[in-house]
């Protein structure tokens, strides 16, 4: 049994946000976020806080990108449709 506990200042894994970004956001970006979130725990257990922090930041960034991509894509497509309607 592994009783090692991570340090108090260990980075968050953002796994919940990554899973939500798969369901409610752009799934390819959400999957990348989930992979990075999973790596945070592995690096923490190995004691490599620098890699854990980097993976945590990437997980957060990819999650946000996933959640922003769908509304942004909707705005672009609606704008394109309105432009076509005005032009044609």
Protein backbone atom coordinates (compact mmCIF):
# COMPACT_ATOMS: atom_id res chain seq x y z
CA UNK A 1 0.00 0.00 0.00
CA UNK A 2 1.33 3.39 -0.99
CA UNK A 3 1.05 5.82 1.91
CA UNK A 4 3.02 8.65 0.28
CA UNK A 5 1.12 11.89 0.40
CA UNK A 6 1.79 14.77 -1.95
CA UNK A 7 3.15 18.01 -0.50
CA UNK A 8 0.73 20.69 0.67
CA UNK A 9 1.57 22.94 -2.29
CA UNK A 10 0.98 20.24 -4.90
CA UNK A 11 -0.68 21.49 -8.10
CA UNK A 12 -4.33 20.71 -8.79
CA UNK A 13 -5.09 18.19 -11.49
CA UNK A 14 -8.24 19.94 -12.87
CA UNK A 15 -9.70 16.53 -13.74
CA UNK A 16 -13.32 17.57 -13.08
CA UNK A 17 -12.99 20.56 -15.40
CA UNK A 18 -11.33 18.39 -18.04
CA UNK A 19 -14.19 15.87 -17.97
CA UNK A 20 -16.76 18.67 -18.11
CA UNK A 21 -14.92 20.11 -21.10
CA UNK A 22 -15.29 16.78 -22.92
CA UNK A 23 -19.05 16.73 -22.30
CA UNK A 24 -19.90 20.42 -22.69
CA UNK A 25 -17.08 21.68 -24.88
CA UNK A 26 -15.09 20.64 -27.93
CA UNK A 27 -14.31 16.95 -27.25
CA UNK A 28 -10.86 16.73 -28.95
CA UNK A 29 -9.54 19.55 -26.75
CA UNK A 30 -11.26 18.03 -23.72
CA UNK A 31 -9.51 14.71 -24.29
CA UNK A 32 -6.13 16.44 -24.41
CA UNK A 33 -7.03 18.24 -21.16
CA UNK A 34 -7.95 14.93 -19.53
CA UNK A 35 -4.63 13.38 -20.57
CA UNK A 36 -2.69 16.26 -19.02
CA UNK A 37 -4.86 16.16 -15.88
CA UNK A 38 -4.06 12.47 -15.51
CA UNK A 39 -0.33 13.16 -15.83
CA UNK A 40 -0.46 15.58 -12.87
CA UNK A 41 -1.13 12.73 -10.43
CA UNK A 42 1.59 10.56 -11.93
CA UNK A 43 4.18 13.32 -11.66
CA UNK A 44 3.09 14.16 -8.10
CA UNK A 45 3.51 10.57 -6.97
CA UNK A 46 6.92 10.43 -8.62
CA UNK A 47 7.87 13.56 -6.69
CA UNK A 48 8.47 15.72 -9.76
CA UNK A 49 6.59 18.91 -8.87
CA UNK A 50 7.93 20.88 -11.86
CA UNK A 51 6.39 18.44 -14.36
CA UNK A 52 3.22 18.19 -12.26
CA UNK A 53 2.85 21.98 -12.32
CA UNK A 54 3.40 22.11 -16.08
CA UNK A 55 0.84 19.36 -16.67
CA UNK A 56 -1.62 21.15 -14.38
CA UNK A 57 -1.30 24.38 -16.37
CA UNK A 58 -1.74 22.51 -19.66
CA UNK A 59 -4.81 20.72 -18.35
CA UNK A 60 -6.38 24.02 -17.31
CA UNK A 61 -5.53 25.73 -20.60
CA UNK A 62 -6.87 22.89 -22.76
CA UNK A 63 -10.06 22.74 -20.66
CA UNK A 64 -10.66 26.44 -21.13
CA UNK A 65 -9.90 26.18 -24.84
CA UNK A 66 -12.42 23.35 -25.13
CA UNK A 67 -15.14 25.31 -23.36
CA UNK A 68 -14.49 28.47 -25.41
CA UNK A 69 -14.22 26.73 -28.79
CA UNK A 70 -17.90 25.73 -29.11
CA UNK A 71 -19.43 29.19 -28.50
CA UNK A 72 -16.73 30.79 -30.64
CA UNK A 73 -17.42 28.35 -33.46
CA UNK A 74 -21.13 29.12 -33.16
CA UNK A 75 -20.50 32.87 -33.46
CA UNK A 76 -18.28 32.36 -36.50
CA UNK A 77 -20.82 30.11 -38.24
CA UNK A 78 -23.74 32.44 -37.51
CA UNK A 79 -21.71 35.41 -38.74
CA UNK A 80 -20.78 33.52 -41.88
CA UNK A 81 -24.42 32.60 -42.47
CA UNK A 82 -25.55 36.18 -42.01
CA UNK A 83 -22.82 37.41 -44.35
CA UNK A 84 -23.92 34.95 -47.03
CA UNK A 85 -27.52 36.05 -46.60
CA UNK A 86 -26.61 39.73 -47.05
CA UNK A 87 -24.31 39.08 -50.01
CA UNK A 88 -26.59 36.73 -51.89
